[in-house]
Protein backbone atom coordinates (compact mmCIF):
# COMPACT_ATOMS: atom_id res chain seq x y z
CA MET A 1 7.43 -11.47 -3.03
CA SER A 2 10.59 -10.38 -4.78
CA GLU A 3 10.56 -6.81 -6.03
CA SER A 4 12.58 -5.31 -8.84
CA PRO A 5 15.48 -3.10 -7.70
CA ARG A 6 13.60 -0.07 -9.04
CA THR A 7 10.46 -0.91 -7.03
CA GLU A 8 12.51 -1.61 -3.89
CA GLY A 9 14.22 1.78 -4.20
CA LEU A 10 10.90 3.55 -4.64
CA LEU A 11 9.37 1.85 -1.60
CA ARG A 12 12.38 2.84 0.53
CA ARG A 13 11.95 6.50 -0.50
CA LEU A 14 8.24 6.76 0.31
CA GLN A 15 7.59 9.59 2.73
CA ILE A 16 5.30 8.13 5.39
CA PRO A 17 3.26 10.67 7.38
CA GLN A 18 4.24 10.88 11.04
CA ASP A 19 0.70 10.36 12.32
CA LEU A 20 0.45 6.77 11.02
CA SER A 21 1.06 4.00 13.55
CA ALA A 22 3.72 1.36 12.95
CA ARG A 23 1.02 -1.18 12.01
CA GLU A 24 -0.63 1.27 9.61
CA ILE A 25 2.73 1.86 7.96
CA GLN A 26 3.25 -1.89 7.56
CA VAL A 27 -0.16 -2.21 5.91
CA ALA A 28 0.39 0.81 3.63
CA LEU A 29 3.79 -0.47 2.48
CA ARG A 30 2.29 -3.85 1.63
CA GLY A 31 -0.40 -2.05 -0.32
CA ALA A 32 2.35 -0.20 -2.17
CA ARG A 33 3.79 -3.61 -3.09
CA GLY A 34 0.39 -4.56 -4.52
CA LEU A 35 -0.59 -7.03 -1.84
CA ASP A 36 -4.27 -7.62 -1.15
CA THR A 37 -5.94 -7.78 2.25
CA LYS A 38 -5.66 -11.54 2.65
CA THR A 39 -1.96 -11.69 1.77
CA THR A 40 -1.21 -8.69 3.99
CA ALA A 41 -3.06 -10.37 6.85
CA VAL A 42 -1.06 -13.58 6.45
CA GLU A 43 2.28 -11.72 6.28
CA LEU A 44 1.51 -9.67 9.40
CA GLY A 45 -0.23 -12.42 11.36
CA LEU A 46 -3.48 -10.46 11.50
CA SER A 47 -7.04 -11.19 10.50
CA PRO A 48 -8.27 -9.74 7.19
CA LYS A 49 -10.84 -7.75 9.19
CA THR A 50 -8.04 -6.11 11.19
CA VAL A 51 -6.21 -5.21 7.96
CA ASP A 52 -9.42 -3.62 6.61
CA THR A 53 -9.77 -1.66 9.86
CA LEU A 54 -6.20 -0.43 9.54
CA TRP A 55 -6.88 0.69 5.96
CA ARG A 56 -9.94 2.65 7.15
CA ARG A 57 -7.77 4.39 9.77
CA ILE A 58 -5.20 5.23 7.11
CA TYR A 59 -7.95 6.66 4.87
CA ARG A 60 -9.23 8.82 7.71
CA LYS A 61 -5.80 10.08 8.75
CA LEU A 62 -4.76 10.91 5.18
CA ASN A 63 -8.21 12.11 4.10
CA CYS A 64 -8.37 9.56 1.26
CA ARG A 65 -11.13 7.31 -0.05
CA SER A 66 -9.22 4.40 -1.59
CA ARG A 67 -5.96 2.49 -1.46
CA SER A 68 -4.94 3.88 -4.81
CA GLU A 69 -5.50 7.43 -3.52
CA VAL A 70 -3.39 6.69 -0.42
CA LEU A 71 -0.60 5.22 -2.52
CA SER A 72 -0.63 8.02 -5.09
CA ARG A 73 -0.50 10.58 -2.28
CA LEU A 74 2.46 8.85 -0.63
CA LEU A 75 4.23 8.66 -3.97
CA ALA A 76 3.52 12.29 -4.85
CA GLU A 77 4.72 13.52 -1.44
CA SER A 78 7.87 11.40 -1.76
CA LEU A 79 8.65 12.78 -5.20
CA ILE A 80 8.11 16.35 -4.00
CA GLN A 81 10.35 15.81 -0.96
CA SER A 82 13.13 14.24 -3.03
CA ASN A 83 13.10 16.94 -5.74
CA PRO A 84 14.76 20.16 -4.51
CA PHE A 85 12.98 22.23 -7.18
CA MET A 86 9.52 20.95 -6.13
CA ALA A 87 10.19 21.21 -2.37
CA ALA A 88 11.21 24.87 -2.65
CA SER A 89 7.93 25.99 -4.20
């Protein structure tokens, strides 16, 4: 999947919490690209059930209830970290 330069730049700037595993990060980044469970599973060589399990772990670790909540939290934290006026408050 080819992303626009703007989307690629945004994905590179996402602040990923330290407590996520490498596999959880891979799944979350694919979710940020808009990929569904099946496509994520194919790209990572996993079963769709494993991808769903990884999403549940991400939800638990980030105290979220949905993929959109996870992604909005990652985006919000990234914007706060990259804005010196927001980070100082």
